[in-house]
C-alpha atoms as a PDB file:
ATOM      1  CA  PHE A   1      29.632  65.923   3.450  1.00  0.00           C
ATOM      2  CA  PRO A   2      32.830  67.927   2.920  1.00  0.00           C
ATOM      3  CA  TYR A   3      34.373  68.050  -0.533  1.00  0.00           C
ATOM      4  CA  THR A   4      37.202  69.836  -2.291  1.00  0.00           C
ATOM      5  CA  THR A   5      37.147  71.190  -5.837  1.00  0.00           C
ATOM      6  CA  LEU A   6      40.291  69.939  -7.545  1.00  0.00           C
ATOM      7  CA  PHE A   7      39.857  71.069 -11.113  1.00  0.00           C
ATOM      8  CA  ARG A   8      37.609  73.434 -13.087  1.00  0.00           C
ATOM      9  CA  SER A   9      37.706  73.505 -16.857  1.00  0.00           C
ATOM     10  CA  LYS A  10      35.919  72.331 -19.987  1.00  0.00           C
ATOM     11  CA  PRO A  11      33.973  69.052 -19.578  1.00  0.00           C
ATOM     12  CA  GLN A  12      36.425  66.976 -21.670  1.00  0.00           C
ATOM     13  CA  GLU A  13      39.397  68.288 -19.688  1.00  0.00           C
ATOM     14  CA  VAL A  14      37.613  67.504 -16.415  1.00  0.00           C
ATOM     15  CA  ALA A  15      36.900  63.963 -17.682  1.00  0.00           C
ATOM     16  CA  ASP A  16      40.564  63.482 -18.659  1.00  0.00           C
ATOM     17  CA  HIS A  17      41.603  64.815 -15.253  1.00  0.00           C
ATOM     18  CA  TYR A  18      39.223  62.384 -13.526  1.00  0.00           C
ATOM     19  CA  LEU A  19      40.597  59.424 -15.488  1.00  0.00           C
ATOM     20  CA  ALA A  20      44.183  60.403 -14.694  1.00  0.00           C
ATOM     21  CA  LEU A  21      43.433  60.947 -11.025  1.00  0.00           C
ATOM     22  CA  ASN A  22      41.505  57.721 -10.516  1.00  0.00           C
ATOM     23  CA  PHE A  23      42.954  55.238 -12.982  1.00  0.00           C
ATOM     24  CA  ASP A  24      46.551  56.172 -13.762  1.00  0.00           C
ATOM     25  CA  ARG A  25      48.582  54.127 -11.312  1.00  0.00           C
ATOM     26  CA  GLU A  26      51.928  55.455 -12.542  1.00  0.00           C
ATOM     27  CA  CYS A  27      50.914  59.049 -11.857  1.00  0.00           C
ATOM     28  CA  SER A  28      50.139  58.370  -8.215  1.00  0.00           C
ATOM     29  CA  ALA A  29      53.079  55.988  -7.810  1.00  0.00           C
ATOM     30  CA  ALA A  30      55.457  58.682  -9.096  1.00  0.00           C
ATOM     31  CA  GLY A  31      53.991  61.224  -6.661  1.00  0.00           C
ATOM     32  CA  LEU A  32      52.899  63.582  -9.457  1.00  0.00           C
ATOM     33  CA  THR A  33      49.943  65.864  -9.047  1.00  0.00           C
ATOM     34  CA  PRO A  34      47.252  65.472 -11.708  1.00  0.00           C
ATOM     35  CA  GLU A  35      48.100  68.969 -12.959  1.00  0.00           C
ATOM     36  CA  GLU A  36      51.747  67.971 -13.522  1.00  0.00           C
ATOM     37  CA  HIS A  37      50.693  64.781 -15.211  1.00  0.00           C
ATOM     38  CA  LEU A  38      48.152  66.404 -17.522  1.00  0.00           C
ATOM     39  CA  ALA A  39      50.297  69.359 -18.623  1.00  0.00           C
ATOM     40  CA  ALA A  40      50.102  68.957 -22.427  1.00  0.00           C
ATOM     41  CA  GLU A  41      48.720  65.465 -22.810  1.00  0.00           C
ATOM     42  CA  TRP A  42      47.727  62.544 -20.696  1.00  0.00           C
ATOM     43  CA  ALA A  43      50.572  60.103 -21.140  1.00  0.00           C
ATOM     44  CA  GLY A  44      49.161  57.009 -19.429  1.00  0.00           C
ATOM     45  CA  SER A  45      51.459  54.175 -18.394  1.00  0.00           C
ATOM     46  CA  HIS A  46      54.152  54.788 -21.068  1.00  0.00           C
ATOM     47  CA  GLU A  47      54.091  51.213 -22.390  1.00  0.00           C
ATOM     48  CA  ALA A  48      53.264  52.644 -25.818  1.00  0.00           C
ATOM     49  CA  ARG A  49      53.439  56.088 -27.396  1.00  0.00           C
ATOM     50  CA  ILE A  50      51.210  57.574 -30.050  1.00  0.00           C
ATOM     51  CA  LEU A  51      53.740  59.199 -32.367  1.00  0.00           C
ATOM     52  CA  GLU A  52      51.650  60.979 -34.992  1.00  0.00           C
ATOM     53  CA  ALA A  53      48.234  61.024 -36.598  1.00  0.00           C
ATOM     54  CA  TRP A  54      47.056  61.989 -40.070  1.00  0.00           C
ATOM     55  CA  THR A  55      44.238  61.707 -42.569  1.00  0.00           C
ATOM     56  CA  GLU A  56      44.635  60.364 -46.091  1.00  0.00           C
ATOM     57  CA  ASP A  57      42.536  59.615 -49.130  1.00  0.00           C
ATOM     58  CA  THR A  58      41.994  56.063 -50.387  1.00  0.00           C
ATOM     59  CA  SER A  59      45.104  56.264 -52.584  1.00  0.00           C
ATOM     60  CA  GLY A  60      47.236  56.884 -49.473  1.00  0.00           C
ATOM     61  CA  LYS A  61      47.901  60.581 -50.060  1.00  0.00           C
ATOM     62  CA  ARG A  62      48.023  62.556 -46.803  1.00  0.00           C
ATOM     63  CA  GLN A  63      45.651  65.483 -46.610  1.00  0.00           C
ATOM     64  CA  ASN A  64      44.416  67.925 -43.982  1.00  0.00           C
ATOM     65  CA  ALA A  65      41.427  69.093 -46.002  1.00  0.00           C
ATOM     66  CA  CYS A  66      38.920  66.708 -47.519  1.00  0.00           C
ATOM     67  CA  LEU A  67      35.683  66.834 -49.422  1.00  0.00           C
ATOM     68  CA  GLN A  68      32.441  65.897 -47.731  1.00  0.00           C
ATOM     69  CA  GLY A  69      31.155  62.533 -49.000  1.00  0.00           C
ATOM     70  CA  GLU A  70      34.587  61.089 -49.887  1.00  0.00           C
ATOM     71  CA  ARG A  71      36.008  57.986 -48.287  1.00  0.00           C
ATOM     72  CA  LEU A  72      38.778  58.774 -45.774  1.00  0.00           C
ATOM     73  CA  ARG A  73      41.395  56.954 -43.768  1.00  0.00           C
ATOM     74  CA  PHE A  74      42.442  58.175 -40.346  1.00  0.00           C
ATOM     75  CA  LYS A  75      45.797  56.749 -39.258  1.00  0.00           C
ATOM     76  CA  ALA A  76      47.953  56.938 -36.140  1.00  0.00           C
ATOM     77  CA  ALA A  77      51.466  55.577 -35.650  1.00  0.00           C
ATOM     78  CA  VAL A  78      52.032  53.841 -32.316  1.00  0.00           C
ATOM     79  CA  ALA A  79      55.372  52.607 -30.898  1.00  0.00           C
ATOM     80  CA  PHE A  80      55.471  50.049 -28.102  1.00  0.00           C
ATOM     81  CA  GLU A  81      58.062  50.585 -25.403  1.00  0.00           C
ATOM     82  CA  SER A  82      57.088  47.431 -23.471  1.00  0.00           C
ATOM     83  CA  SER A  83      55.299  44.219 -24.365  1.00  0.00           C
ATOM     84  CA  VAL A  84      51.510  44.608 -24.330  1.00  0.00           C
ATOM     85  CA  ASP A  85      48.817  41.990 -24.939  1.00  0.00           C
ATOM     86  CA  ASP A  86      45.549  42.835 -26.682  1.00  0.00           C
ATOM     87  CA  PRO A  87      45.496  46.632 -26.414  1.00  0.00           C
ATOM     88  CA  ALA A  88      42.488  48.525 -27.695  1.00  0.00           C
ATOM     89  CA  PHE A  89      43.063  51.368 -30.166  1.00  0.00           C
ATOM     90  CA  SER A  90      40.458  54.099 -30.589  1.00  0.00           C
ATOM     91  CA  VAL A  91      39.900  57.513 -32.116  1.00  0.00           C
ATOM     92  CA  GLU A  92      37.333  60.128 -31.121  1.00  0.00           C
ATOM     93  CA  ILE A  93      36.725  62.809 -33.720  1.00  0.00           C
ATOM     94  CA  GLU A  94      35.260  65.941 -32.194  1.00  0.00           C
ATOM     95  CA  ASP A  95      34.127  69.249 -33.659  1.00  0.00           C
ATOM     96  CA  GLU A  96      35.336  72.731 -32.743  1.00  0.00           C
ATOM     97  CA  TRP A  97      33.026  72.805 -29.696  1.00  0.00           C
ATOM     98  CA  GLY A  98      34.165  69.442 -28.324  1.00  0.00           C
ATOM     99  CA  THR A  99      31.154  67.396 -29.477  1.00  0.00           C
ATOM    100  CA  LYS A 100      32.174  63.815 -30.267  1.00  0.00           C
ATOM    101  CA  MET A 101      31.031  63.296 -33.824  1.00  0.00           C
ATOM    102  CA  PHE A 102      32.438  59.836 -34.410  1.00  0.00           C
ATOM    103  CA  VAL A 103      34.207  57.171 -32.327  1.00  0.00           C
ATOM    104  CA  ALA A 104      35.889  54.078 -33.731  1.00  0.00           C
ATOM    105  CA  THR A 105      37.634  51.365 -31.730  1.00  0.00           C
ATOM    106  CA  THR A 106      39.201  47.961 -32.166  1.00  0.00           C
ATOM    107  CA  ALA A 107      37.626  46.899 -28.842  1.00  0.00           C
ATOM    108  CA  VAL A 108      34.308  45.995 -30.484  1.00  0.00           C
ATOM    109  CA  ASP A 109      35.243  43.777 -33.447  1.00  0.00           C
ATOM    110  CA  ASN A 110      38.874  43.034 -32.630  1.00  0.00           C
ATOM    111  CA  GLU A 111      39.047  42.678 -28.845  1.00  0.00           C
ATOM    112  CA  ARG A 112      42.036  40.356 -29.082  1.00  0.00           C
ATOM    113  CA  SER A 113      44.308  42.592 -31.126  1.00  0.00           C
ATOM    114  CA  GLY A 114      47.386  40.460 -30.438  1.00  0.00           C
ATOM    115  CA  HIS A 115      50.753  40.646 -28.731  1.00  0.00           C
ATOM    116  CA  PHE A 116      52.936  43.681 -29.381  1.00  0.00           C
ATOM    117  CA  ALA A 117      56.612  43.490 -28.412  1.00  0.00           C
ATOM    118  CA  ALA A 118      58.825  46.290 -27.123  1.00  0.00           C
ATOM    119  CA  GLY A 119      60.254  48.232 -30.078  1.00  0.00           C
ATOM    120  CA  GLU A 120      57.395  47.304 -32.409  1.00  0.00           C
ATOM    121  CA  GLU A 121      55.637  50.072 -34.358  1.00  0.00           C
ATOM    122  CA  VAL A 122      52.131  49.755 -35.768  1.00  0.00           C
ATOM    123  CA  ILE A 123      49.657  51.865 -37.717  1.00  0.00           C
ATOM    124  CA  PHE A 124      46.110  52.098 -36.372  1.00  0.00           C
ATOM    125  CA  CYS A 125      43.724  52.746 -39.282  1.00  0.00           C
ATOM    126  CA  VAL A 126      40.032  53.628 -39.488  1.00  0.00           C
ATOM    127  CA  GLU A 127      38.446  53.948 -42.921  1.00  0.00           C
ATOM    128  CA  PHE A 128      35.068  55.662 -43.202  1.00  0.00           C
ATOM    129  CA  GLU A 129      32.719  57.606 -45.454  1.00  0.00           C
ATOM    130  CA  ASN A 130      33.098  61.293 -44.618  1.00  0.00           C
ATOM    131  CA  TYR A 131      29.564  62.389 -43.730  1.00  0.00           C
ATOM    132  CA  LEU A 132      30.800  65.160 -41.447  1.00  0.00           C
ATOM    133  CA  THR A 133      29.416  68.598 -42.209  1.00  0.00           C
ATOM    134  CA  PRO A 134      31.827  71.275 -43.424  1.00  0.00           C
ATOM    135  CA  GLY A 135      34.036  72.541 -40.594  1.00  0.00           C
ATOM    136  CA  LYS A 136      37.104  71.678 -38.513  1.00  0.00           C
ATOM    137  CA  TYR A 137      37.477  68.420 -36.590  1.00  0.00           C
ATOM    138  CA  TYR A 138      40.066  67.168 -34.111  1.00  0.00           C
ATOM    139  CA  PRO A 139      40.988  63.513 -33.490  1.00  0.00           C
ATOM    140  CA  THR A 140      41.898  62.229 -30.023  1.00  0.00           C
ATOM    141  CA  VAL A 141      43.755  58.911 -30.110  1.00  0.00           C
ATOM    142  CA  ASN A 142      43.722  56.422 -27.259  1.00  0.00           C
ATOM    143  CA  VAL A 143      45.587  53.159 -26.630  1.00  0.00           C
ATOM    144  CA  SER A 144      44.346  51.265 -23.578  1.00  0.00           C
ATOM    145  CA  ARG A 145      44.412  47.812 -22.075  1.00  0.00           C
ATOM    146  CA  ARG A 146      41.698  45.406 -23.119  1.00  0.00           C
ATOM    147  CA  GLY A 147      38.444  46.166 -21.350  1.00  0.00           C
ATOM    148  CA  GLY A 148      36.429  49.330 -20.918  1.00  0.00           C
ATOM    149  CA  GLY A 149      39.169  51.715 -22.074  1.00  0.00           C
ATOM    150  CA  LEU A 150      39.818  53.194 -18.636  1.00  0.00           C
ATOM    151  CA  ASP A 151      43.268  51.646 -18.156  1.00  0.00           C
ATOM    152  CA  VAL A 152      45.022  54.032 -20.511  1.00  0.00           C
ATOM    153  CA  ILE A 153      48.415  53.255 -21.985  1.00  0.00           C
ATOM    154  CA  HIS A 154      48.630  56.514 -23.949  1.00  0.00           C
ATOM    155  CA  ARG A 155      46.126  59.197 -24.909  1.00  0.00           C
ATOM    156  CA  ARG A 156      46.732  62.258 -27.084  1.00  0.00           C
ATOM    157  CA  ARG A 157      44.033  64.881 -27.516  1.00  0.00           C
ATOM    158  CA  ARG A 158      43.491  66.854 -30.712  1.00  0.00           C
ATOM    159  CA  MET A 159      46.514  65.436 -32.488  1.00  0.00           C
ATOM    160  CA  SER A 160      45.751  67.000 -35.831  1.00  0.00           C
ATOM    161  CA  THR A 161      43.103  68.984 -37.665  1.00  0.00           C
ATOM    162  CA  ILE A 162      40.732  67.642 -40.298  1.00  0.00           C
ATOM    163  CA  THR A 163      39.054  70.337 -42.373  1.00  0.00           C
ATOM    164  CA  VAL A 164      35.941  69.205 -44.228  1.00  0.00           C
ATOM    165  CA  PHE A 165      34.628  71.305 -47.091  1.00  0.00           C
ATOM    166  CA  GLY A 166      31.526  70.871 -49.192  1.00  0.00           C
ATOM    167  CA  SER A 167      28.441  72.631 -50.426  1.00  0.00           C
ATOM    168  CA  THR A 168      25.627  70.496 -49.029  1.00  0.00           C
ATOM    169  CA  ALA A 169      25.483  71.211 -45.298  1.00  0.00           C
ATOM    170  CA  GLN A 170      21.875  70.430 -44.336  1.00  0.00           C
ATOM    171  CA  GLY A 171      22.085  71.764 -40.785  1.00  0.00           C
ATOM    172  CA  GLY A 172      22.721  68.628 -38.744  1.00  0.00           C
ATOM    173  CA  LEU A 173      25.853  67.399 -37.009  1.00  0.00           C
ATOM    174  CA  VAL A 174      26.412  64.977 -39.887  1.00  0.00           C
ATOM    175  CA  ASP A 175      24.975  64.788 -43.370  1.00  0.00           C
ATOM    176  CA  LEU A 176      24.003  61.136 -43.812  1.00  0.00           C
ATOM    177  CA  PRO A 177      23.073  59.963 -47.304  1.00  0.00           C
ATOM    178  CA  ASN A 178      19.326  60.157 -47.670  1.00  0.00           C
ATOM    179  CA  ALA A 179      16.493  60.390 -50.142  1.00  0.00           C
ATOM    180  CA  ALA A 180      13.925  63.007 -49.161  1.00  0.00           C
ATOM    181  CA  THR A 181      10.648  62.800 -51.098  1.00  0.00           C
ATOM    182  CA  VAL A 182       7.103  64.123 -50.951  1.00  0.00           C
ATOM    183  CA  GLU A 183       4.195  61.870 -51.897  1.00  0.00           C
ATOM    184  CA  ARG A 184       0.569  62.818 -52.264  1.00  0.00           C
ATOM    185  CA  SER A 185      -1.715  61.072 -49.885  1.00  0.00           C
ATOM    186  CA  PRO A 186      -4.410  58.883 -51.525  1.00  0.00           C
ATOM    187  CA  HIS A 187      -6.853  60.421 -49.056  1.00  0.00           C
ATOM    188  CA  HIS A 188      -5.942  63.906 -50.313  1.00  0.00           C
ATOM    189  CA  ALA A 189      -6.624  62.850 -53.946  1.00  0.00           C
ATOM    190  CA  GLU A 190     -10.159  61.704 -52.977  1.00  0.00           C
ATOM    191  CA  LEU A 191     -10.850  65.016 -51.230  1.00  0.00           C
ATOM    192  CA  SER A 192      -9.725  67.088 -54.219  1.00  0.00           C
ATOM    193  CA  ARG A 193     -12.124  65.166 -56.566  1.00  0.00           C
ATOM    194  CA  SER A 194     -15.196  66.016 -54.502  1.00  0.00           C
END
Protein backbone atom coordinates (compact mmCIF):
# COMPACT_ATOMS: atom_id res chain seq x y z
CA PHE A 1 0.00 0.00 0.00
CA PRO A 2 1.94 3.07 -1.16
CA TYR A 3 1.78 6.24 0.90
CA THR A 4 3.40 9.65 0.96
CA THR A 5 4.46 11.58 4.05
CA LEU A 6 3.06 15.09 3.68
CA PHE A 7 3.90 16.71 6.98
CA ARG A 8 6.10 16.00 10.01
CA SER A 9 5.86 18.13 13.12
CA LYS A 10 4.43 18.26 16.63
CA PRO A 11 1.21 16.25 17.12
CA GLN A 12 -1.04 19.35 17.40
CA GLU A 13 0.42 20.83 14.22
CA VAL A 14 -0.09 17.52 12.40
CA ALA A 15 -3.72 17.44 13.60
CA ASP A 16 -4.29 21.03 12.40
CA HIS A 17 -2.68 20.12 9.08
CA TYR A 18 -4.96 17.07 8.76
CA LEU A 19 -8.07 19.15 9.45
CA ALA A 20 -7.04 21.77 6.91
CA LEU A 21 -6.20 19.18 4.28
CA ASN A 22 -9.36 17.14 4.68
CA PHE A 23 -12.05 19.57 5.79
CA ASP A 24 -11.19 23.06 4.56
CA ARG A 25 -13.03 23.34 1.26
CA GLU A 26 -11.82 26.88 0.57
CA CYS A 27 -8.18 25.83 0.79
CA SER A 28 -8.55 23.17 -1.89
CA ALA A 29 -10.90 25.31 -3.98
CA ALA A 30 -8.33 28.13 -4.02
CA GLY A 31 -5.59 25.70 -5.09
CA LEU A 32 -3.47 26.41 -2.00
CA THR A 33 -1.15 23.81 -0.58
CA PRO A 34 -1.76 22.97 3.08
CA GLU A 35 1.62 24.53 3.91
CA GLU A 36 0.57 27.85 2.33
CA HIS A 37 -2.74 27.73 4.10
CA LEU A 38 -1.31 26.92 7.52
CA ALA A 39 1.54 29.46 7.48
CA ALA A 40 0.83 31.33 10.74
CA GLU A 41 -2.68 30.21 11.58
CA TRP A 42 -5.42 28.10 10.15
CA ALA A 43 -7.89 30.61 8.81
CA GLY A 44 -10.83 28.35 7.94
CA SER A 45 -13.58 29.59 5.63
CA HIS A 46 -13.20 33.33 6.45
CA GLU A 47 -16.87 33.82 7.35
CA ALA A 48 -15.72 35.05 10.76
CA ARG A 49 -12.42 36.21 12.22
CA ILE A 50 -11.15 35.85 15.75
CA LEU A 51 -9.73 39.30 16.43
CA GLU A 52 -8.17 39.05 19.88
CA ALA A 53 -8.24 37.06 23.08
CA TRP A 54 -7.56 37.99 26.69
CA THR A 55 -8.04 36.97 30.29
CA GLU A 56 -9.67 39.14 32.94
CA ASP A 57 -10.66 38.99 36.57
CA THR A 58 -14.30 39.04 37.68
CA SER A 59 -14.29 42.85 37.84
CA GLY A 60 -13.43 42.99 34.12
CA LYS A 61 -9.79 44.04 34.50
CA ARG A 62 -7.56 42.47 31.84
CA GLN A 63 -4.62 40.52 33.16
CA ASN A 64 -1.96 38.17 31.80
CA ALA A 65 -0.95 36.81 35.19
CA CYS A 66 -3.45 35.42 37.66
CA LEU A 67 -3.47 33.73 41.02
CA GLN A 68 -4.25 30.05 41.31
CA GLY A 69 -7.71 29.50 42.84
CA GLU A 70 -9.23 32.79 41.62
CA ARG A 71 -12.19 32.97 39.30
CA LEU A 72 -11.21 33.98 35.75
CA ARG A 73 -12.87 35.00 32.52
CA PHE A 74 -11.37 34.09 29.17
CA LYS A 75 -12.71 36.25 26.34
CA ALA A 76 -12.28 36.38 22.57
CA ALA A 77 -13.60 39.00 20.16
CA VAL A 78 -15.06 37.59 16.95
CA ALA A 79 -16.18 39.57 13.87
CA PHE A 80 -18.50 38.01 11.30
CA GLU A 81 -17.76 38.76 7.67
CA SER A 82 -20.74 36.74 6.37
CA SER A 83 -24.01 35.57 7.87
CA VAL A 84 -23.60 32.39 9.93
CA ASP A 85 -26.25 30.33 11.72
CA ASP A 86 -25.54 28.57 15.01
CA PRO A 87 -21.74 28.56 15.07
CA ALA A 88 -19.95 26.82 17.91
CA PHE A 89 -17.32 28.78 19.85
CA SER A 90 -14.62 26.95 21.81
CA VAL A 91 -11.35 27.47 23.62
CA GLU A 92 -8.65 24.90 24.36
CA ILE A 93 -6.19 25.92 27.04
CA GLU A 94 -2.94 24.01 26.77
CA ASP A 95 0.24 24.01 28.84
CA GLU A 96 3.78 24.70 27.65
CA TRP A 97 4.12 21.11 26.36
CA GLY A 98 0.87 21.17 24.37
CA THR A 99 -1.25 19.17 26.83
CA LYS A 100 -4.89 20.28 26.69
CA MET A 101 -5.70 21.22 30.26
CA PHE A 102 -9.20 22.55 29.75
CA VAL A 103 -11.69 22.79 26.87
CA ALA A 104 -14.89 24.81 26.92
CA THR A 105 -17.43 25.06 24.11
CA THR A 106 -20.87 26.45 23.40
CA ALA A 107 -21.65 23.28 21.40
CA VAL A 108 -22.67 21.34 24.51
CA ASP A 109 -25.13 23.63 26.34
CA ASN A 110 -25.81 26.20 23.63
CA GLU A 111 -25.86 24.28 20.35
CA ARG A 112 -28.20 26.81 18.76
CA SER A 113 -26.15 29.92 19.39
CA GLY A 114 -28.23 32.04 17.00
CA HIS A 115 -27.91 33.95 13.75
CA PHE A 116 -24.95 36.28 13.32
CA ALA A 117 -25.07 38.83 10.50
CA ALA A 118 -22.18 40.12 8.40
CA GLY A 119 -20.49 43.01 10.23
CA GLU A 120 -21.60 41.83 13.67
CA GLU A 121 -19.00 41.54 16.45
CA VAL A 122 -19.42 39.35 19.51
CA ILE A 123 -17.47 38.42 22.63
CA PHE A 124 -17.11 34.73 23.44
CA CYS A 125 -16.70 34.33 27.22
CA VAL A 126 -15.83 31.38 29.46
CA GLU A 127 -15.78 31.92 33.21
CA PHE A 128 -14.09 29.32 35.40
CA GLU A 129 -12.33 28.66 38.69
CA ASN A 130 -8.59 28.70 38.03
CA TYR A 131 -7.41 25.31 39.28
CA LEU A 132 -4.46 25.24 36.89
CA THR A 133 -1.10 24.65 38.51
CA PRO A 134 1.46 27.46 38.40
CA GLY A 135 2.95 27.85 34.91
CA LYS A 136 2.25 29.25 31.45
CA TYR A 137 -0.84 28.37 29.42
CA TYR A 138 -1.89 29.14 25.85
CA PRO A 139 -5.48 29.41 24.58
CA THR A 140 -6.48 28.24 21.10
CA VAL A 141 -9.80 29.69 19.94
CA ASN A 142 -12.05 28.00 17.41
CA VAL A 143 -15.25 29.07 15.65
CA SER A 144 -16.88 26.28 13.64
CA ARG A 145 -20.20 25.36 12.11
CA ARG A 146 -22.68 23.53 14.30
CA GLY A 147 -21.76 19.88 14.64
CA GLY A 148 -18.57 18.10 15.58
CA GLY A 149 -16.29 21.15 15.22
CA LEU A 150 -14.54 19.90 12.09
CA ASP A 151 -16.05 22.46 9.71
CA VAL A 152 -13.88 25.32 10.89
CA ILE A 153 -14.78 28.93 10.23
CA HIS A 154 -11.70 30.33 11.98
CA ARG A 155 -9.09 28.88 14.32
CA ARG A 156 -6.22 30.71 16.02
CA ARG A 157 -3.64 28.80 18.02
CA ARG A 158 -1.93 30.17 21.12
CA MET A 159 -3.50 33.60 20.87
CA SER A 160 -2.22 34.84 24.19
CA THR A 161 -0.38 33.70 27.30
CA ILE A 162 -1.93 33.07 30.70
CA THR A 163 0.59 32.92 33.53
CA VAL A 164 -0.68 31.25 36.70
CA PHE A 165 1.18 31.80 39.95
CA GLY A 166 0.59 30.31 43.36
CA SER A 167 2.25 28.47 46.19
CA THR A 168 0.24 25.25 46.40
CA ALA A 169 1.27 23.15 43.41
CA GLN A 170 0.58 19.56 44.51
CA GLY A 171 2.20 17.88 41.51
CA GLY A 172 -0.76 17.16 39.25
CA LEU A 173 -1.85 18.79 36.01
CA VAL A 174 -4.50 20.70 37.95
CA ASP A 175 -4.97 21.37 41.64
CA LEU A 176 -8.65 20.62 42.29
CA PRO A 177 -10.10 21.67 45.64
CA ASN A 178 -9.93 18.74 47.99
CA ALA A 179 -9.89 17.71 51.61
CA ALA A 180 -7.19 15.14 52.36
CA THR A 181 -7.55 13.43 55.75
CA VAL A 182 -6.21 10.44 57.64
CA GLU A 183 -8.52 8.40 59.86
CA ARG A 184 -7.59 5.60 62.20
CA SER A 185 -9.13 2.31 61.34
CA PRO A 186 -11.44 0.83 64.02
CA HIS A 187 -9.69 -2.48 63.39
CA HIS A 188 -6.33 -0.87 64.18
CA ALA A 189 -7.68 0.47 67.52
CA GLU A 190 -8.73 -3.07 68.55
CA LEU A 191 -5.28 -4.44 67.69
CA SER A 192 -3.47 -1.78 69.72
CA ARG A 193 -5.57 -2.62 72.86
CA SER A 194 -4.54 -6.27 72.86
